[in-house]
Amino acid sequence: MDSSSSIDRERLPLEKQRWWQRAGVKPRDFFTWLILAGACFVVIWSLASSVWRNYQIREDITTANNNLSQLQLERDRLKSLLVYYNSKSFQEIELRRHFLLKRPDETVIALRSSQPLAGVATPEELSPKTIDAPPAEGWRLWWQFYFGSAPPVFTVGSTN
């Protein structure tokens, strides 16, 4: 019965035959090729995904190395600035500029100018200034906002 049904299928007109029947492939061979094609697809897919993952990891490593080199350059720059700021020459320059100090053996000559020199403190800047009252504390402002009056003053150790 099995052989007669295969003979009947082979006798079908070409329009009614399936494409693998027209190609002369038997159903058993067709499923074998289908399984092999699926396995090849899975292998190719896994290889492509691992290649893509390796590419992304390489890009991340390159970015991290670039960031590391930039941070090392910044660290070296900051170290050199620290050495310069701790040097006697920088301290002397800053004392002269901001506090108008001089060495004991130097003579200072004052020049009249319509515009003050950039970075030099003027006598008005060096004179003592009055300090305004400190701003109200945060909780006092909230108390005034909610209750409309100043908060009560509590003293420790007083008896009434």
Protein backbone atom coordinates (compact mmCIF):
# COMPACT_ATOMS: atom_id res chain seq x y z
CA MET A 1 0.00 0.00 0.00
CA ASP A 2 2.89 2.27 0.75
CA SER A 3 4.52 1.71 -2.61
CA SER A 4 1.27 2.31 -4.50
CA SER A 5 0.72 5.69 -2.79
CA SER A 6 4.22 6.83 -3.73
CA ILE A 7 3.61 5.75 -7.29
CA ASP A 8 0.35 7.72 -7.31
CA ARG A 9 2.13 10.83 -6.07
CA GLU A 10 4.74 10.56 -8.74
CA ARG A 11 2.00 10.40 -11.32
CA LEU A 12 0.39 13.65 -10.13
CA PRO A 13 0.60 16.50 -12.62
CA LEU A 14 3.52 18.88 -12.02
CA GLU A 15 1.25 21.73 -10.90
CA LYS A 16 -0.11 19.65 -8.00
CA GLN A 17 3.26 18.29 -6.87
CA ARG A 18 5.18 19.95 -4.07
CA TRP A 19 8.50 21.58 -4.88
CA TRP A 20 10.58 18.82 -3.32
CA GLN A 21 8.59 16.25 -5.27
CA ARG A 22 9.30 18.12 -8.49
CA ALA A 23 13.00 18.18 -7.55
CA GLY A 24 12.94 14.45 -7.02
CA VAL A 25 13.60 14.56 -3.27
CA LYS A 26 11.95 11.93 -1.15
CA PRO A 27 10.21 13.06 2.07
CA ARG A 28 12.78 11.29 4.24
CA ASP A 29 15.63 13.07 2.47
CA PHE A 30 13.76 16.37 2.70
CA PHE A 31 13.47 16.26 6.49
CA THR A 32 17.11 15.22 6.78
CA TRP A 33 18.15 18.27 4.76
CA LEU A 34 15.79 20.46 6.78
CA ILE A 35 17.38 19.33 10.05
CA LEU A 36 20.87 19.86 8.63
CA ALA A 37 19.93 23.33 7.42
CA GLY A 38 18.54 24.20 10.87
CA ALA A 39 21.72 22.94 12.56
CA CYS A 40 23.86 25.00 10.15
CA PHE A 41 21.72 28.05 10.90
CA VAL A 42 22.18 27.59 14.66
CA VAL A 43 25.96 27.18 14.28
CA ILE A 44 26.28 30.23 12.03
CA TRP A 45 24.06 32.27 14.38
CA SER A 46 26.14 31.33 17.45
CA LEU A 47 29.40 32.12 15.64
CA ALA A 48 28.09 35.49 14.47
CA SER A 49 26.85 36.38 17.95
CA SER A 50 30.19 35.45 19.53
CA VAL A 51 32.07 37.52 16.93
CA TRP A 52 29.77 40.48 17.67
CA ARG A 53 30.23 40.03 21.43
CA ASN A 54 34.03 39.94 21.01
CA TYR A 55 33.86 43.13 18.94
CA GLN A 56 31.82 44.89 21.62
CA ILE A 57 34.21 43.75 24.35
CA ARG A 58 37.17 45.00 22.33
CA GLU A 59 35.46 48.38 21.88
CA ASP A 60 34.77 48.59 25.63
CA ILE A 61 38.41 47.77 26.42
CA THR A 62 39.62 50.42 23.96
CA THR A 63 37.31 53.02 25.51
CA ALA A 64 38.43 52.09 29.02
CA ASN A 65 42.11 52.32 28.00
CA ASN A 66 41.52 55.77 26.47
CA ASN A 67 39.78 56.94 29.65
CA LEU A 68 42.61 55.53 31.74
CA SER A 69 45.26 57.37 29.73
CA GLN A 70 43.29 60.64 30.01
CA LEU A 71 42.95 60.18 33.76
CA GLN A 72 46.69 59.48 34.08
CA LEU A 73 47.48 62.67 32.14
CA GLU A 74 45.14 64.64 34.39
CA ARG A 75 46.73 63.09 37.49
CA ASP A 76 50.21 64.03 36.25
CA ARG A 77 49.06 67.58 35.53
CA LEU A 78 47.56 67.91 39.00
CA LYS A 79 50.72 66.51 40.60
CA SER A 80 52.84 69.08 38.80
CA LEU A 81 50.45 71.86 39.87
CA LEU A 82 50.68 70.65 43.46
CA VAL A 83 54.46 70.74 43.33
CA TYR A 84 54.35 74.26 41.86
CA TYR A 85 51.84 75.55 44.44
CA ASN A 86 53.98 74.18 47.27
CA SER A 87 57.13 75.84 45.92
CA LYS A 88 58.66 78.89 47.62
CA SER A 89 58.57 80.94 44.41
CA PHE A 90 54.80 80.59 44.04
CA GLN A 91 54.23 81.42 47.70
CA GLU A 92 56.39 84.53 47.36
CA ILE A 93 54.49 85.67 44.26
CA GLU A 94 51.15 85.20 45.98
CA LEU A 95 52.28 87.05 49.12
CA ARG A 96 53.46 89.95 47.00
CA ARG A 97 50.32 90.06 44.90
CA HIS A 98 47.58 89.62 47.49
CA PHE A 99 49.08 91.07 50.65
CA LEU A 100 51.41 93.67 49.10
CA LEU A 101 54.34 92.27 51.07
CA LYS A 102 57.99 92.88 50.24
CA ARG A 103 61.37 91.53 51.26
CA PRO A 104 63.27 93.48 53.93
CA ASP A 105 65.97 94.57 51.48
CA GLU A 106 63.54 95.76 48.76
CA THR A 107 62.16 99.21 48.13
CA VAL A 108 58.60 99.52 46.83
CA ILE A 109 57.84 102.23 44.32
CA ALA A 110 54.19 103.19 43.90
CA LEU A 111 53.13 104.28 40.43
CA ARG A 112 50.01 106.29 39.86
CA SER A 113 47.74 104.72 37.32
CA SER A 114 44.25 105.47 36.16
CA GLN A 115 43.50 101.76 36.03
CA PRO A 116 44.49 99.30 38.75
CA LEU A 117 46.78 96.43 37.80
CA ALA A 118 45.08 93.14 37.14
CA GLY A 119 45.40 90.65 39.99
CA VAL A 120 46.81 93.18 42.52
CA ALA A 121 44.83 93.87 45.65
CA THR A 122 43.97 97.51 46.27
CA PRO A 123 44.12 99.07 49.76
CA GLU A 124 40.32 99.22 49.80
CA GLU A 125 40.18 95.48 49.30
CA LEU A 126 42.64 94.89 52.14
CA SER A 127 40.81 97.13 54.65
CA PRO A 128 38.55 95.39 57.17
CA LYS A 129 34.94 95.16 56.13
CA THR A 130 31.75 94.96 58.12
CA ILE A 131 29.99 91.67 58.06
CA ASP A 132 26.24 91.57 57.65
CA ALA A 133 24.10 89.61 60.08
CA PRO A 134 23.98 85.92 59.24
CA PRO A 135 20.86 84.78 57.42
CA ALA A 136 18.06 83.28 59.43
CA GLU A 137 18.21 79.57 60.06
CA GLY A 138 16.03 77.35 57.92
CA TRP A 139 13.74 76.15 60.68
CA ARG A 140 13.06 79.75 61.78
CA LEU A 141 12.00 80.67 58.25
CA TRP A 142 9.62 77.71 58.11
CA TRP A 143 8.21 78.64 61.55
CA GLN A 144 7.52 82.18 60.31
CA PHE A 145 5.98 80.83 57.11
CA TYR A 146 3.53 78.51 58.89
CA PHE A 147 2.74 80.46 62.06
CA GLY A 148 3.31 84.05 60.94
CA SER A 149 5.45 85.02 63.91
CA ALA A 150 8.92 84.52 65.29
CA PRO A 151 9.43 81.28 67.22
CA PRO A 152 9.55 81.41 71.01
CA VAL A 153 12.96 81.74 72.61
CA PHE A 154 13.82 79.07 75.12
CA THR A 155 16.61 79.53 77.65
CA VAL A 156 18.22 76.72 79.54
CA GLY A 157 18.35 76.86 83.30
CA SER A 158 16.10 79.91 83.81
CA THR A 159 13.35 79.83 86.40
CA ASN A 160 10.24 81.95 86.24
